[in-house]
Amino acid sequence: MTCSEAIISRIRSISQDRNISVHKLSVLSGLPESTVRYFMNGLVKAPRIDTLYKIATGLGMTLSEFFDFPDMNNTLFDD
């Protein structure tokens, strides 16, 4: 699993658990819906840390909490 895949999987999992749509996540994070959609569809391979910060904040998490999941420990960082 690549870093991007792990992050997308993490966002999808949390969003599904909390019943948060792409539109709602864009509102909560203060990002354009198109940005969230491009990322969720794998069109953005290397999201900026400020984008990930906004998404984590929109999900009610710190960056540390966001990145603290098992798949991140088994990911490849060459994408």
PDB file of N, CA and C in Angstrom:
ATOM      1  N   MET A   1       0.851  -1.176   0.000  1.00  0.00           N
ATOM      2  CA  MET A   1       0.000   0.000   0.000  1.00  0.00           C
ATOM      3  C   MET A   1       0.897   1.239   0.000  1.00  0.00           C
ATOM      4  N   THR A   2       0.541   2.195  -0.826  1.00  0.00           N
ATOM      5  CA  THR A   2       1.303   3.442  -0.875  1.00  0.00           C
ATOM      6  C   THR A   2       0.788   4.399   0.198  1.00  0.00           C
ATOM      7  N   CYS A   3       1.532   5.433   0.418  1.00  0.00           N
ATOM      8  CA  CYS A   3       1.144   6.448   1.400  1.00  0.00           C
ATOM      9  C   CYS A   3      -0.197   7.073   1.021  1.00  0.00           C
ATOM     10  N   SER A   4      -0.363   7.441  -0.230  1.00  0.00           N
ATOM     11  CA  SER A   4      -1.624   8.046  -0.676  1.00  0.00           C
ATOM     12  C   SER A   4      -2.797   7.102  -0.471  1.00  0.00           C
ATOM     13  N   GLU A   5      -2.602   5.839  -0.807  1.00  0.00           N
ATOM     14  CA  GLU A   5      -3.669   4.853  -0.629  1.00  0.00           C
ATOM     15  C   GLU A   5      -4.037   4.697   0.847  1.00  0.00           C
ATOM     16  N   ALA A   6      -3.030   4.676   1.709  1.00  0.00           N
ATOM     17  CA  ALA A   6      -3.283   4.538   3.144  1.00  0.00           C
ATOM     18  C   ALA A   6      -4.058   5.740   3.675  1.00  0.00           C
ATOM     19  N   ILE A   7      -3.693   6.928   3.238  1.00  0.00           N
ATOM     20  CA  ILE A   7      -4.366   8.147   3.703  1.00  0.00           C
ATOM     21  C   ILE A   7      -5.808   8.188   3.194  1.00  0.00           C
ATOM     22  N   ILE A   8      -6.001   7.855   1.920  1.00  0.00           N
ATOM     23  CA  ILE A   8      -7.358   7.836   1.355  1.00  0.00           C
ATOM     24  C   ILE A   8      -8.215   6.818   2.100  1.00  0.00           C
ATOM     25  N   SER A   9      -7.662   5.656   2.356  1.00  0.00           N
ATOM     26  CA  SER A   9      -8.380   4.616   3.091  1.00  0.00           C
ATOM     27  C   SER A   9      -8.761   5.109   4.483  1.00  0.00           C
ATOM     28  N   ARG A  10      -7.857   5.808   5.126  1.00  0.00           N
ATOM     29  CA  ARG A  10      -8.106   6.347   6.463  1.00  0.00           C
ATOM     30  C   ARG A  10      -9.255   7.358   6.435  1.00  0.00           C
ATOM     31  N   ILE A  11      -9.223   8.264   5.493  1.00  0.00           N
ATOM     32  CA  ILE A  11     -10.279   9.275   5.383  1.00  0.00           C
ATOM     33  C   ILE A  11     -11.620   8.616   5.086  1.00  0.00           C
ATOM     34  N   ARG A  12     -11.634   7.663   4.161  1.00  0.00           N
ATOM     35  CA  ARG A  12     -12.886   6.967   3.826  1.00  0.00           C
ATOM     36  C   ARG A  12     -13.448   6.230   5.041  1.00  0.00           C
ATOM     37  N   SER A  13     -12.584   5.549   5.760  1.00  0.00           N
ATOM     38  CA  SER A  13     -13.023   4.783   6.925  1.00  0.00           C
ATOM     39  C   SER A  13     -13.638   5.690   7.992  1.00  0.00           C
ATOM     40  N   ILE A  14     -12.941   6.764   8.321  1.00  0.00           N
ATOM     41  CA  ILE A  14     -13.452   7.688   9.335  1.00  0.00           C
ATOM     42  C   ILE A  14     -14.741   8.343   8.851  1.00  0.00           C
ATOM     43  N   SER A  15     -14.768   8.755   7.594  1.00  0.00           N
ATOM     44  CA  SER A  15     -15.958   9.401   7.036  1.00  0.00           C
ATOM     45  C   SER A  15     -17.159   8.464   7.073  1.00  0.00           C
ATOM     46  N   GLN A  16     -16.951   7.205   6.705  1.00  0.00           N
ATOM     47  CA  GLN A  16     -18.054   6.240   6.729  1.00  0.00           C
ATOM     48  C   GLN A  16     -18.532   6.001   8.154  1.00  0.00           C
ATOM     49  N   ASP A  17     -17.591   5.846   9.084  1.00  0.00           N
ATOM     50  CA  ASP A  17     -17.957   5.623  10.490  1.00  0.00           C
ATOM     51  C   ASP A  17     -18.773   6.771  11.056  1.00  0.00           C
ATOM     52  N   ARG A  18     -18.480   7.967  10.594  1.00  0.00           N
ATOM     53  CA  ARG A  18     -19.150   9.163  11.123  1.00  0.00           C
ATOM     54  C   ARG A  18     -20.240   9.697  10.197  1.00  0.00           C
ATOM     55  N   ASN A  19     -20.502   8.960   9.111  1.00  0.00           N
ATOM     56  CA  ASN A  19     -21.525   9.348   8.134  1.00  0.00           C
ATOM     57  C   ASN A  19     -21.267  10.752   7.580  1.00  0.00           C
ATOM     58  N   ILE A  20     -20.026  10.984   7.165  1.00  0.00           N
ATOM     59  CA  ILE A  20     -19.621  12.271   6.607  1.00  0.00           C
ATOM     60  C   ILE A  20     -19.418  12.114   5.101  1.00  0.00           C
ATOM     61  N   SER A  21     -20.185  12.856   4.331  1.00  0.00           N
ATOM     62  CA  SER A  21     -20.054  12.826   2.869  1.00  0.00           C
ATOM     63  C   SER A  21     -18.866  13.685   2.435  1.00  0.00           C
ATOM     64  N   VAL A  22     -18.508  13.573   1.171  1.00  0.00           N
ATOM     65  CA  VAL A  22     -17.430  14.407   0.632  1.00  0.00           C
ATOM     66  C   VAL A  22     -17.804  15.877   0.772  1.00  0.00           C
ATOM     67  N   HIS A  23     -19.053  16.180   0.474  1.00  0.00           N
ATOM     68  CA  HIS A  23     -19.501  17.573   0.596  1.00  0.00           C
ATOM     69  C   HIS A  23     -19.375  18.061   2.048  1.00  0.00           C
ATOM     70  N   LYS A  24     -19.849  17.247   2.981  1.00  0.00           N
ATOM     71  CA  LYS A  24     -19.780  17.655   4.384  1.00  0.00           C
ATOM     72  C   LYS A  24     -18.334  17.795   4.847  1.00  0.00           C
ATOM     73  N   LEU A  25     -17.451  16.885   4.409  1.00  0.00           N
ATOM     74  CA  LEU A  25     -16.039  16.985   4.772  1.00  0.00           C
ATOM     75  C   LEU A  25     -15.432  18.262   4.211  1.00  0.00           C
ATOM     76  N   SER A  26     -15.822  18.638   3.009  1.00  0.00           N
ATOM     77  CA  SER A  26     -15.292  19.876   2.435  1.00  0.00           C
ATOM     78  C   SER A  26     -15.735  21.080   3.263  1.00  0.00           C
ATOM     79  N   VAL A  27     -16.970  21.073   3.722  1.00  0.00           N
ATOM     80  CA  VAL A  27     -17.472  22.161   4.560  1.00  0.00           C
ATOM     81  C   VAL A  27     -16.742  22.178   5.901  1.00  0.00           C
ATOM     82  N   LEU A  28     -16.625  20.996   6.524  1.00  0.00           N
ATOM     83  CA  LEU A  28     -15.978  20.908   7.833  1.00  0.00           C
ATOM     84  C   LEU A  28     -14.498  21.287   7.787  1.00  0.00           C
ATOM     85  N   SER A  29     -13.856  20.971   6.668  1.00  0.00           N
ATOM     86  CA  SER A  29     -12.419  21.227   6.555  1.00  0.00           C
ATOM     87  C   SER A  29     -12.099  22.586   5.948  1.00  0.00           C
ATOM     88  N   GLY A  30     -13.094  23.226   5.359  1.00  0.00           N
ATOM     89  CA  GLY A  30     -12.856  24.519   4.727  1.00  0.00           C
ATOM     90  C   GLY A  30     -12.137  24.410   3.395  1.00  0.00           C
ATOM     91  N   LEU A  31     -12.194  23.228   2.794  1.00  0.00           N
ATOM     92  CA  LEU A  31     -11.561  23.003   1.486  1.00  0.00           C
ATOM     93  C   LEU A  31     -12.633  22.958   0.404  1.00  0.00           C
ATOM     94  N   PRO A  32     -12.275  23.351  -0.808  1.00  0.00           N
ATOM     95  CA  PRO A  32     -13.240  23.209  -1.898  1.00  0.00           C
ATOM     96  C   PRO A  32     -13.625  21.734  -2.074  1.00  0.00           C
ATOM     97  N   GLU A  33     -14.877  21.492  -2.391  1.00  0.00           N
ATOM     98  CA  GLU A  33     -15.338  20.118  -2.587  1.00  0.00           C
ATOM     99  C   GLU A  33     -14.543  19.423  -3.680  1.00  0.00           C
ATOM    100  N   SER A  34     -14.163  20.171  -4.710  1.00  0.00           N
ATOM    101  CA  SER A  34     -13.385  19.568  -5.795  1.00  0.00           C
ATOM    102  C   SER A  34     -12.033  19.062  -5.299  1.00  0.00           C
ATOM    103  N   THR A  35     -11.425  19.771  -4.381  1.00  0.00           N
ATOM    104  CA  THR A  35     -10.139  19.343  -3.816  1.00  0.00           C
ATOM    105  C   THR A  35     -10.304  18.030  -3.073  1.00  0.00           C
ATOM    106  N   VAL A  36     -11.332  17.937  -2.254  1.00  0.00           N
ATOM    107  CA  VAL A  36     -11.581  16.708  -1.499  1.00  0.00           C
ATOM    108  C   VAL A  36     -11.897  15.561  -2.455  1.00  0.00           C
ATOM    109  N   ARG A  37     -12.710  15.817  -3.471  1.00  0.00           N
ATOM    110  CA  ARG A  37     -13.057  14.775  -4.450  1.00  0.00           C
ATOM    111  C   ARG A  37     -11.825  14.292  -5.218  1.00  0.00           C
ATOM    112  N   TYR A  38     -11.002  15.220  -5.698  1.00  0.00           N
ATOM    113  CA  TYR A  38      -9.794  14.831  -6.436  1.00  0.00           C
ATOM    114  C   TYR A  38      -8.914  13.953  -5.571  1.00  0.00           C
ATOM    115  N   PHE A  39      -8.763  14.331  -4.330  1.00  0.00           N
ATOM    116  CA  PHE A  39      -7.934  13.552  -3.422  1.00  0.00           C
ATOM    117  C   PHE A  39      -8.542  12.176  -3.181  1.00  0.00           C
ATOM    118  N   MET A  40      -9.833  12.136  -2.882  1.00  0.00           N
ATOM    119  CA  MET A  40     -10.500  10.868  -2.591  1.00  0.00           C
ATOM    120  C   MET A  40     -10.526   9.928  -3.795  1.00  0.00           C
ATOM    121  N   ASN A  41     -10.485  10.486  -4.992  1.00  0.00           N
ATOM    122  CA  ASN A  41     -10.466   9.673  -6.206  1.00  0.00           C
ATOM    123  C   ASN A  41      -9.052   9.315  -6.652  1.00  0.00           C
ATOM    124  N   GLY A  42      -8.057   9.658  -5.854  1.00  0.00           N
ATOM    125  CA  GLY A  42      -6.683   9.293  -6.164  1.00  0.00           C
ATOM    126  C   GLY A  42      -6.011  10.156  -7.210  1.00  0.00           C
ATOM    127  N   LEU A  43      -6.607  11.293  -7.536  1.00  0.00           N
ATOM    128  CA  LEU A  43      -6.018  12.172  -8.547  1.00  0.00           C
ATOM    129  C   LEU A  43      -4.913  13.050  -7.978  1.00  0.00           C
ATOM    130  N   VAL A  44      -4.864  13.161  -6.662  1.00  0.00           N
ATOM    131  CA  VAL A  44      -3.802  13.902  -5.984  1.00  0.00           C
ATOM    132  C   VAL A  44      -2.940  12.863  -5.276  1.00  0.00           C
ATOM    133  N   LYS A  45      -1.719  12.710  -5.734  1.00  0.00           N
ATOM    134  CA  LYS A  45      -0.846  11.661  -5.202  1.00  0.00           C
ATOM    135  C   LYS A  45      -0.060  12.091  -3.970  1.00  0.00           C
ATOM    136  N   ALA A  46       0.189  13.361  -3.830  1.00  0.00           N
ATOM    137  CA  ALA A  46       0.994  13.842  -2.708  1.00  0.00           C
ATOM    138  C   ALA A  46       0.329  15.079  -2.103  1.00  0.00           C
ATOM    139  N   PRO A  47      -0.644  14.861  -1.220  1.00  0.00           N
ATOM    140  CA  PRO A  47      -1.335  16.012  -0.626  1.00  0.00           C
ATOM    141  C   PRO A  47      -0.397  16.808   0.269  1.00  0.00           C
ATOM    142  N   ARG A  48      -0.597  18.095   0.271  1.00  0.00           N
ATOM    143  CA  ARG A  48       0.211  18.962   1.127  1.00  0.00           C
ATOM    144  C   ARG A  48      -0.195  18.775   2.576  1.00  0.00           C
ATOM    145  N   ILE A  49       0.730  19.018   3.460  1.00  0.00           N
ATOM    146  CA  ILE A  49       0.468  18.828   4.882  1.00  0.00           C
ATOM    147  C   ILE A  49      -0.620  19.765   5.381  1.00  0.00           C
ATOM    148  N   ASP A  50      -0.714  20.969   4.818  1.00  0.00           N
ATOM    149  CA  ASP A  50      -1.772  21.877   5.255  1.00  0.00           C
ATOM    150  C   ASP A  50      -3.148  21.366   4.836  1.00  0.00           C
ATOM    151  N   THR A  51      -3.218  20.676   3.699  1.00  0.00           N
ATOM    152  CA  THR A  51      -4.472  20.067   3.269  1.00  0.00           C
ATOM    153  C   THR A  51      -4.861  18.939   4.221  1.00  0.00           C
ATOM    154  N   LEU A  52      -3.891  18.096   4.563  1.00  0.00           N
ATOM    155  CA  LEU A  52      -4.160  17.003   5.498  1.00  0.00           C
ATOM    156  C   LEU A  52      -4.536  17.535   6.875  1.00  0.00           C
ATOM    157  N   TYR A  53      -3.912  18.630   7.275  1.00  0.00           N
ATOM    158  CA  TYR A  53      -4.257  19.266   8.553  1.00  0.00           C
ATOM    159  C   TYR A  53      -5.724  19.706   8.546  1.00  0.00           C
ATOM    160  N   LYS A  54      -6.158  20.330   7.459  1.00  0.00           N
ATOM    161  CA  LYS A  54      -7.543  20.795   7.356  1.00  0.00           C
ATOM    162  C   LYS A  54      -8.518  19.620   7.362  1.00  0.00           C
ATOM    163  N   ILE A  55      -8.169  18.547   6.678  1.00  0.00           N
ATOM    164  CA  ILE A  55      -9.036  17.370   6.666  1.00  0.00           C
ATOM    165  C   ILE A  55      -9.107  16.758   8.059  1.00  0.00           C
ATOM    166  N   ALA A  56      -7.960  16.605   8.709  1.00  0.00           N
ATOM    167  CA  ALA A  56      -7.942  16.053  10.066  1.00  0.00           C
ATOM    168  C   ALA A  56      -8.770  16.919  11.014  1.00  0.00           C
ATOM    169  N   THR A  57      -8.597  18.217  10.923  1.00  0.00           N
ATOM    170  CA  THR A  57      -9.359  19.139  11.765  1.00  0.00           C
ATOM    171  C   THR A  57     -10.851  19.014  11.472  1.00  0.00           C
ATOM    172  N   GLY A  58     -11.190  18.909  10.198  1.00  0.00           N
ATOM    173  CA  GLY A  58     -12.594  18.728   9.814  1.00  0.00           C
ATOM    174  C   GLY A  58     -13.180  17.438  10.369  1.00  0.00           C
ATOM    175  N   LEU A  59     -12.343  16.436  10.538  1.00  0.00           N
ATOM    176  CA  LEU A  59     -12.777  15.161  11.115  1.00  0.00           C
ATOM    177  C   LEU A  59     -12.711  15.184  12.647  1.00  0.00           C
ATOM    178  N   GLY A  60     -12.309  16.323  13.212  1.00  0.00           N
ATOM    179  CA  GLY A  60     -12.243  16.467  14.662  1.00  0.00           C
ATOM    180  C   GLY A  60     -11.039  15.788  15.281  1.00  0.00           C
ATOM    181  N   MET A  61      -9.924  15.769  14.532  1.00  0.00           N
ATOM    182  CA  MET A  61      -8.722  15.077  14.988  1.00  0.00           C
ATOM    183  C   MET A  61      -7.503  15.972  14.856  1.00  0.00           C
ATOM    184  N   THR A  62      -6.480  15.652  15.620  1.00  0.00           N
ATOM    185  CA  THR A  62      -5.184  16.277  15.392  1.00  0.00           C
ATOM    186  C   THR A  62      -4.479  15.494  14.290  1.00  0.00           C
ATOM    187  N   LEU A  63      -3.406  16.043  13.749  1.00  0.00           N
ATOM    188  CA  LEU A  63      -2.632  15.297  12.754  1.00  0.00           C
ATOM    189  C   LEU A  63      -2.057  14.020  13.354  1.00  0.00           C
ATOM    190  N   SER A  64      -1.632  14.082  14.608  1.00  0.00           N
ATOM    191  CA  SER A  64      -1.102  12.890  15.273  1.00  0.00           C
ATOM    192  C   SER A  64      -2.151  11.792  15.340  1.00  0.00           C
ATOM    193  N   GLU A  65      -3.356  12.151  15.721  1.00  0.00           N
ATOM    194  CA  GLU A  65      -4.440  11.165  15.778  1.00  0.00           C
ATOM    195  C   GLU A  65      -4.758  10.629  14.386  1.00  0.00           C
ATOM    196  N   PHE A  66      -4.765  11.519  13.408  1.00  0.00           N
ATOM    197  CA  PHE A  66      -5.087  11.120  12.035  1.00  0.00           C
ATOM    198  C   PHE A  66      -4.087  10.089  11.508  1.00  0.00           C
ATOM    199  N   PHE A  67      -2.803  10.303  11.773  1.00  0.00           N
ATOM    200  CA  PHE A  67      -1.768   9.418  11.240  1.00  0.00           C
ATOM    201  C   PHE A  67      -1.495   8.197  12.108  1.00  0.00           C
ATOM    202  N   ASP A  68      -2.178   8.077  13.223  1.00  0.00           N
ATOM    203  CA  ASP A  68      -1.950   6.959  14.131  1.00  0.00           C
ATOM    204  C   ASP A  68      -2.901   5.810  13.798  1.00  0.00           C
ATOM    205  N   PHE A  69      -2.527   5.015  12.775  1.00  0.00           N
ATOM    206  CA  PHE A  69      -3.312   3.841  12.408  1.00  0.00           C
ATOM    207  C   PHE A  69      -2.382   2.791  11.803  1.00  0.00           C
ATOM    208  N   PRO A  70      -2.735   1.519  11.946  1.00  0.00           N
ATOM    209  CA  PRO A  70      -1.830   0.420  11.564  1.00  0.00           C
ATOM    210  C   PRO A  70      -1.324   0.455  10.123  1.00  0.00           C
ATOM    211  N   ASP A  71      -2.176   0.759   9.157  1.00  0.00           N
ATOM    212  CA  ASP A  71      -1.742   0.750   7.760  1.00  0.00           C
ATOM    213  C   ASP A  71      -0.605   1.735   7.498  1.00  0.00           C
ATOM    214  N   MET A  72      -0.553   2.817   8.252  1.00  0.00           N
ATOM    215  CA  MET A  72       0.509   3.802   8.046  1.00  0.00           C
ATOM    216  C   MET A  72       1.870   3.211   8.384  1.00  0.00           C
ATOM    217  N   ASN A  73       1.890   2.264   9.294  1.00  0.00           N
ATOM    218  CA  ASN A  73       3.162   1.629   9.667  1.00  0.00           C
ATOM    219  C   ASN A  73       3.660   0.667   8.601  1.00  0.00           C
ATOM    220  N   ASN A  74       2.779   0.230   7.703  1.00  0.00           N
ATOM    221  CA  ASN A  74       3.142  -0.736   6.665  1.00  0.00           C
ATOM    222  C   ASN A  74       3.108  -0.145   5.268  1.00  0.00           C
ATOM    223  N   THR A  75       3.230   1.160   5.183  1.00  0.00           N
ATOM    224  CA  THR A  75       3.097   1.820   3.894  1.00  0.00           C
ATOM    225  C   THR A  75       4.438   2.113   3.247  1.00  0.00           C
ATOM    226  N   LEU A  76       4.422   2.256   1.930  1.00  0.00           N
ATOM    227  CA  LEU A  76       5.606   2.631   1.165  1.00  0.00           C
ATOM    228  C   LEU A  76       5.573   4.130   0.937  1.00  0.00           C
ATOM    229  N   PHE A  77       6.656   4.794   1.207  1.00  0.00           N
ATOM    230  CA  PHE A  77       6.702   6.248   1.075  1.00  0.00           C
ATOM    231  C   PHE A  77       7.419   6.702  -0.184  1.00  0.00           C
ATOM    232  N   ASP A  78       7.312   5.935  -1.241  1.00  0.00           N
ATOM    233  CA  ASP A  78       7.994   6.313  -2.481  1.00  0.00           C
ATOM    234  C   ASP A  78       7.027   6.752  -3.563  1.00  0.00           C
ATOM    235  N   ASP A  79       5.803   7.078  -3.186  1.00  0.00           N
ATOM    236  CA  ASP A  79       4.838   7.535  -4.187  1.00  0.00           C
ATOM    237  C   ASP A  79       4.811   9.041  -4.172  1.00  0.00           C
TER     238      ASP A  79
END
